[in-house]
Amino acid sequence: MSFGRPPSINVGFKVSAPDRGSFPLDHYGECKSKMQLYMSCLKQNGSESSPCRILSKDYLDCRMNKGLMEKDEWKNLGLAHLDKSPDSTQQTMSSGTTSGSPPAQK
């Protein structure tokens, strides 16, 4: 009984890129904080992704800049119309809301 690949198969073996939509894991946690912000936003909004799209764009931007996914245009990712500004992202997370309205007074 033989295990592994026969030597003759190595001749034509070719590595190909992963399918679109699959990308390497972030083993070193380079974008972990951005992912946690996005996941927290999803949790606050009952898994509704619309209010968290700016955080999603920020997370994908981090992945593209760190080489964890292939760079692509925002229009291809459905995020071209979003303004990725750190102020709006910070306001979203600090207020606990994503609608842009001030937090409720107690």
N, C-alpha and C. Protein backbone atom coordinates (compact mmCIF):
# COMPACT_ATOMS: atom_id res chain seq x y z
N MET A 1 0.84 -1.17 0.00
CA MET A 1 0.00 0.00 0.00
C MET A 1 0.89 1.24 0.00
N SER A 2 0.54 2.19 -0.82
CA SER A 2 1.35 3.39 -0.97
C SER A 2 0.58 4.61 -0.49
N PHE A 3 1.28 5.53 0.13
CA PHE A 3 0.66 6.76 0.59
C PHE A 3 1.29 7.94 -0.14
N GLY A 4 0.49 8.97 -0.36
CA GLY A 4 1.02 10.15 -1.02
C GLY A 4 0.82 10.09 -2.52
N ARG A 5 1.42 11.01 -3.17
CA ARG A 5 1.29 11.17 -4.61
C ARG A 5 2.45 10.49 -5.31
N PRO A 6 2.19 9.77 -6.39
CA PRO A 6 3.30 9.18 -7.14
C PRO A 6 4.16 10.28 -7.75
N PRO A 7 5.45 10.06 -7.91
CA PRO A 7 6.35 11.09 -8.44
C PRO A 7 5.95 11.59 -9.83
N SER A 8 5.29 10.78 -10.61
CA SER A 8 4.93 11.20 -11.97
C SER A 8 3.86 12.30 -11.98
N ILE A 9 3.10 12.46 -10.92
CA ILE A 9 2.05 13.48 -10.87
C ILE A 9 2.64 14.87 -10.65
N ASN A 10 3.81 14.99 -10.06
CA ASN A 10 4.44 16.28 -9.80
C ASN A 10 4.76 17.05 -11.08
N VAL A 11 4.87 16.37 -12.18
CA VAL A 11 5.28 17.00 -13.43
C VAL A 11 4.29 18.08 -13.87
N GLY A 12 3.01 17.84 -13.84
CA GLY A 12 2.04 18.81 -14.34
C GLY A 12 1.29 19.54 -13.24
N PHE A 13 1.75 19.44 -12.02
CA PHE A 13 1.04 20.06 -10.90
C PHE A 13 1.20 21.57 -10.93
N LYS A 14 0.08 22.28 -10.89
CA LYS A 14 0.12 23.75 -10.96
C LYS A 14 -0.75 24.33 -9.84
N VAL A 15 -0.20 25.27 -9.11
CA VAL A 15 -0.93 25.93 -8.03
C VAL A 15 -1.78 27.04 -8.63
N SER A 16 -3.01 27.13 -8.18
CA SER A 16 -3.89 28.20 -8.67
C SER A 16 -4.39 29.04 -7.50
N ALA A 17 -4.79 30.26 -7.80
CA ALA A 17 -5.29 31.17 -6.77
C ALA A 17 -6.63 30.65 -6.24
N PRO A 18 -6.96 31.01 -5.00
CA PRO A 18 -8.26 30.59 -4.46
C PRO A 18 -9.40 31.26 -5.20
N ASP A 19 -10.57 30.66 -5.12
CA ASP A 19 -11.76 31.23 -5.74
C ASP A 19 -12.07 32.59 -5.14
N ARG A 20 -12.71 33.43 -5.94
CA ARG A 20 -13.12 34.75 -5.46
C ARG A 20 -14.04 34.57 -4.25
N GLY A 21 -13.79 35.35 -3.23
CA GLY A 21 -14.60 35.26 -2.02
C GLY A 21 -13.93 34.45 -0.92
N SER A 22 -12.90 33.69 -1.25
CA SER A 22 -12.17 32.97 -0.21
C SER A 22 -10.79 33.61 -0.10
N PHE A 23 -10.33 33.81 1.10
CA PHE A 23 -9.05 34.44 1.29
C PHE A 23 -8.38 33.89 2.54
N PRO A 24 -7.06 34.07 2.66
CA PRO A 24 -6.32 33.49 3.78
C PRO A 24 -6.79 34.00 5.13
N LEU A 25 -6.64 33.16 6.12
CA LEU A 25 -6.95 33.56 7.49
C LEU A 25 -5.94 34.60 7.95
N ASP A 26 -6.36 35.43 8.87
CA ASP A 26 -5.51 36.47 9.43
C ASP A 26 -4.77 35.87 10.63
N HIS A 27 -3.77 35.02 10.36
CA HIS A 27 -3.06 34.28 11.41
C HIS A 27 -2.38 35.19 12.43
N TYR A 28 -1.92 36.36 12.00
CA TYR A 28 -1.19 37.25 12.90
C TYR A 28 -2.08 38.34 13.51
N GLY A 29 -3.37 38.30 13.23
CA GLY A 29 -4.31 39.26 13.82
C GLY A 29 -4.10 40.68 13.36
N GLU A 30 -3.61 40.86 12.14
CA GLU A 30 -3.32 42.19 11.64
C GLU A 30 -4.57 43.05 11.50
N CYS A 31 -5.70 42.44 11.25
CA CYS A 31 -6.96 43.19 11.08
C CYS A 31 -7.99 42.77 12.11
N LYS A 32 -7.54 42.17 13.19
CA LYS A 32 -8.45 41.63 14.21
C LYS A 32 -9.30 42.72 14.85
N SER A 33 -8.71 43.87 15.16
CA SER A 33 -9.48 44.93 15.84
C SER A 33 -10.61 45.45 14.93
N LYS A 34 -10.34 45.56 13.64
CA LYS A 34 -11.36 46.03 12.70
C LYS A 34 -12.46 44.98 12.53
N MET A 35 -12.07 43.71 12.55
CA MET A 35 -13.05 42.63 12.47
C MET A 35 -13.93 42.63 13.71
N GLN A 36 -13.33 42.85 14.88
CA GLN A 36 -14.11 42.86 16.12
C GLN A 36 -15.10 44.02 16.15
N LEU A 37 -14.69 45.19 15.65
CA LEU A 37 -15.62 46.32 15.56
C LEU A 37 -16.81 45.99 14.67
N TYR A 38 -16.53 45.37 13.53
CA TYR A 38 -17.57 44.99 12.59
C TYR A 38 -18.51 43.95 13.21
N MET A 39 -17.94 42.94 13.85
CA MET A 39 -18.76 41.90 14.48
C MET A 39 -19.60 42.47 15.63
N SER A 40 -19.04 43.40 16.38
CA SER A 40 -19.78 44.05 17.45
C SER A 40 -20.96 44.84 16.90
N CYS A 41 -20.73 45.53 15.79
CA CYS A 41 -21.79 46.29 15.13
C CYS A 41 -22.91 45.35 14.67
N LEU A 42 -22.53 44.22 14.08
CA LEU A 42 -23.53 43.25 13.65
C LEU A 42 -24.36 42.75 14.84
N LYS A 43 -23.68 42.49 15.94
CA LYS A 43 -24.37 42.00 17.14
C LYS A 43 -25.35 43.05 17.67
N GLN A 44 -24.92 44.31 17.68
CA GLN A 44 -25.78 45.39 18.16
C GLN A 44 -26.99 45.60 17.27
N ASN A 45 -26.86 45.24 16.01
CA ASN A 45 -27.93 45.50 15.04
C ASN A 45 -28.65 44.23 14.61
N GLY A 46 -28.61 43.20 15.43
CA GLY A 46 -29.33 41.97 15.13
C GLY A 46 -28.92 41.34 13.81
N SER A 47 -27.65 41.32 13.52
CA SER A 47 -27.07 40.76 12.30
C SER A 47 -27.50 41.48 11.03
N GLU A 48 -28.04 42.66 11.15
CA GLU A 48 -28.38 43.49 9.99
C GLU A 48 -27.09 44.18 9.55
N SER A 49 -26.64 43.91 8.33
CA SER A 49 -25.33 44.42 7.90
C SER A 49 -25.37 45.84 7.36
N SER A 50 -26.53 46.35 6.98
CA SER A 50 -26.61 47.68 6.36
C SER A 50 -26.01 48.78 7.24
N PRO A 51 -26.32 48.83 8.54
CA PRO A 51 -25.74 49.90 9.37
C PRO A 51 -24.23 49.76 9.59
N CYS A 52 -23.68 48.61 9.26
CA CYS A 52 -22.27 48.32 9.55
C CYS A 52 -21.40 48.35 8.30
N ARG A 53 -21.92 48.85 7.20
CA ARG A 53 -21.20 48.79 5.94
C ARG A 53 -19.88 49.58 5.95
N ILE A 54 -19.85 50.69 6.67
CA ILE A 54 -18.60 51.47 6.74
C ILE A 54 -17.53 50.66 7.48
N LEU A 55 -17.93 49.95 8.52
CA LEU A 55 -16.98 49.11 9.25
C LEU A 55 -16.53 47.94 8.39
N SER A 56 -17.44 47.42 7.58
CA SER A 56 -17.10 46.35 6.65
C SER A 56 -16.06 46.83 5.64
N LYS A 57 -16.26 48.04 5.14
CA LYS A 57 -15.32 48.62 4.18
C LYS A 57 -13.95 48.83 4.83
N ASP A 58 -13.95 49.28 6.06
CA ASP A 58 -12.70 49.50 6.79
C ASP A 58 -11.96 48.17 6.99
N TYR A 59 -12.69 47.12 7.32
CA TYR A 59 -12.10 45.79 7.52
C TYR A 59 -11.52 45.25 6.21
N LEU A 60 -12.28 45.36 5.13
CA LEU A 60 -11.79 44.88 3.84
C LEU A 60 -10.59 45.69 3.36
N ASP A 61 -10.61 46.99 3.65
CA ASP A 61 -9.47 47.84 3.30
C ASP A 61 -8.21 47.37 4.02
N CYS A 62 -8.34 47.04 5.29
CA CYS A 62 -7.21 46.52 6.06
C CYS A 62 -6.70 45.24 5.43
N ARG A 63 -7.59 44.32 5.10
CA ARG A 63 -7.19 43.04 4.50
C ARG A 63 -6.47 43.25 3.18
N MET A 64 -6.96 44.18 2.36
CA MET A 64 -6.31 44.44 1.08
C MET A 64 -4.93 45.06 1.28
N ASN A 65 -4.82 45.99 2.21
CA ASN A 65 -3.54 46.65 2.47
C ASN A 65 -2.50 45.72 3.07
N LYS A 66 -2.94 44.70 3.80
CA LYS A 66 -2.02 43.75 4.44
C LYS A 66 -1.75 42.53 3.56
N GLY A 67 -2.32 42.50 2.37
CA GLY A 67 -2.10 41.37 1.47
C GLY A 67 -2.87 40.12 1.84
N LEU A 68 -3.92 40.27 2.63
CA LEU A 68 -4.73 39.12 3.02
C LEU A 68 -5.85 38.83 2.03
N MET A 69 -6.02 39.70 1.08
CA MET A 69 -6.95 39.47 -0.02
C MET A 69 -6.50 40.33 -1.19
N GLU A 70 -6.91 39.94 -2.37
CA GLU A 70 -6.52 40.68 -3.56
C GLU A 70 -7.19 42.04 -3.57
N LYS A 71 -6.44 43.07 -3.96
CA LYS A 71 -7.02 44.41 -4.05
C LYS A 71 -8.07 44.43 -5.16
N ASP A 72 -9.16 45.10 -4.89
CA ASP A 72 -10.25 45.20 -5.84
C ASP A 72 -10.87 46.58 -5.70
N GLU A 73 -11.60 46.98 -6.70
CA GLU A 73 -12.27 48.28 -6.65
C GLU A 73 -13.51 48.16 -5.76
N TRP A 74 -13.80 49.26 -5.06
CA TRP A 74 -14.94 49.27 -4.15
C TRP A 74 -16.25 49.00 -4.87
N LYS A 75 -16.36 49.46 -6.10
CA LYS A 75 -17.61 49.23 -6.84
C LYS A 75 -17.83 47.74 -7.07
N ASN A 76 -16.76 46.97 -7.22
CA ASN A 76 -16.89 45.53 -7.40
C ASN A 76 -17.30 44.83 -6.11
N LEU A 77 -17.02 45.46 -4.99
CA LEU A 77 -17.38 44.90 -3.69
C LEU A 77 -18.70 45.46 -3.16
N GLY A 78 -19.33 46.33 -3.95
CA GLY A 78 -20.61 46.91 -3.55
C GLY A 78 -20.49 47.98 -2.49
N LEU A 79 -19.32 48.59 -2.37
CA LEU A 79 -19.09 49.57 -1.31
C LEU A 79 -18.61 50.92 -1.84
N ALA A 80 -18.77 51.17 -3.12
CA ALA A 80 -18.23 52.39 -3.74
C ALA A 80 -18.90 53.66 -3.23
N HIS A 81 -20.16 53.59 -2.88
CA HIS A 81 -20.90 54.79 -2.48
C HIS A 81 -20.64 55.21 -1.03
N LEU A 82 -19.92 54.41 -0.27
CA LEU A 82 -19.67 54.72 1.14
C LEU A 82 -18.46 55.62 1.30
N ASP A 83 -18.57 56.60 2.17
CA ASP A 83 -17.44 57.46 2.51
C ASP A 83 -16.76 56.82 3.71
N LYS A 84 -15.55 56.34 3.52
CA LYS A 84 -14.82 55.69 4.61
C LYS A 84 -14.06 56.74 5.40
N SER A 85 -14.72 57.32 6.37
CA SER A 85 -14.06 58.33 7.18
C SER A 85 -13.93 57.81 8.61
N PRO A 86 -12.76 57.96 9.22
CA PRO A 86 -12.56 57.49 10.58
C PRO A 86 -13.52 58.13 11.58
N ASP A 87 -13.93 59.39 11.34
CA ASP A 87 -14.84 60.07 12.25
C ASP A 87 -16.18 59.35 12.33
N SER A 88 -16.73 58.96 11.18
CA SER A 88 -18.03 58.32 11.18
C SER A 88 -17.95 56.93 11.81
N THR A 89 -16.85 56.23 11.59
CA THR A 89 -16.68 54.92 12.20
C THR A 89 -16.57 55.05 13.71
N GLN A 90 -15.79 56.01 14.19
CA GLN A 90 -15.64 56.21 15.62
C GLN A 90 -16.96 56.63 16.25
N GLN A 91 -17.71 57.51 15.58
CA GLN A 91 -19.00 57.96 16.11
C GLN A 91 -19.96 56.79 16.21
N THR A 92 -19.95 55.91 15.21
CA THR A 92 -20.83 54.75 15.20
C THR A 92 -20.58 53.87 16.42
N MET A 93 -19.32 53.60 16.72
CA MET A 93 -19.01 52.69 17.81
C MET A 93 -19.13 53.37 19.17
N SER A 94 -18.81 54.65 19.27
CA SER A 94 -18.85 55.30 20.57
C SER A 94 -20.27 55.59 21.02
N SER A 95 -21.16 55.83 20.08
CA SER A 95 -22.54 56.14 20.45
C SER A 95 -23.37 54.88 20.64
N GLY A 96 -22.88 53.76 20.12
CA GLY A 96 -23.64 52.54 20.24
C GLY A 96 -24.76 52.45 19.23
N THR A 97 -24.85 53.42 18.35
CA THR A 97 -25.86 53.41 17.31
C THR A 97 -25.18 53.55 15.97
N THR A 98 -25.92 53.25 14.92
CA THR A 98 -25.35 53.38 13.60
C THR A 98 -26.19 54.28 12.71
N SER A 99 -27.24 54.86 13.26
CA SER A 99 -28.13 55.66 12.44
C SER A 99 -27.67 57.10 12.31
N GLY A 100 -26.64 57.49 13.08
CA GLY A 100 -26.15 58.84 13.02
C GLY A 100 -26.87 59.75 14.02
N SER A 101 -27.92 59.26 14.68
CA SER A 101 -28.62 60.06 15.66
C SER A 101 -27.90 59.97 16.99
N PRO A 102 -28.04 60.99 17.84
CA PRO A 102 -27.37 60.95 19.14
C PRO A 102 -27.97 59.88 20.02
N PRO A 103 -27.20 59.37 20.99
CA PRO A 103 -27.73 58.35 21.89
C PRO A 103 -28.88 58.91 22.71
N ALA A 104 -29.77 58.03 23.10
CA ALA A 104 -30.96 58.43 23.87
C ALA A 104 -30.56 58.98 25.23
N GLN A 105 -31.23 60.00 25.65
CA GLN A 105 -30.97 60.62 26.97
C GLN A 105 -31.68 59.81 28.03
N LYS A 106 -31.08 59.70 29.21
CA LYS A 106 -31.69 58.97 30.32
C LYS A 106 -32.25 59.92 31.33
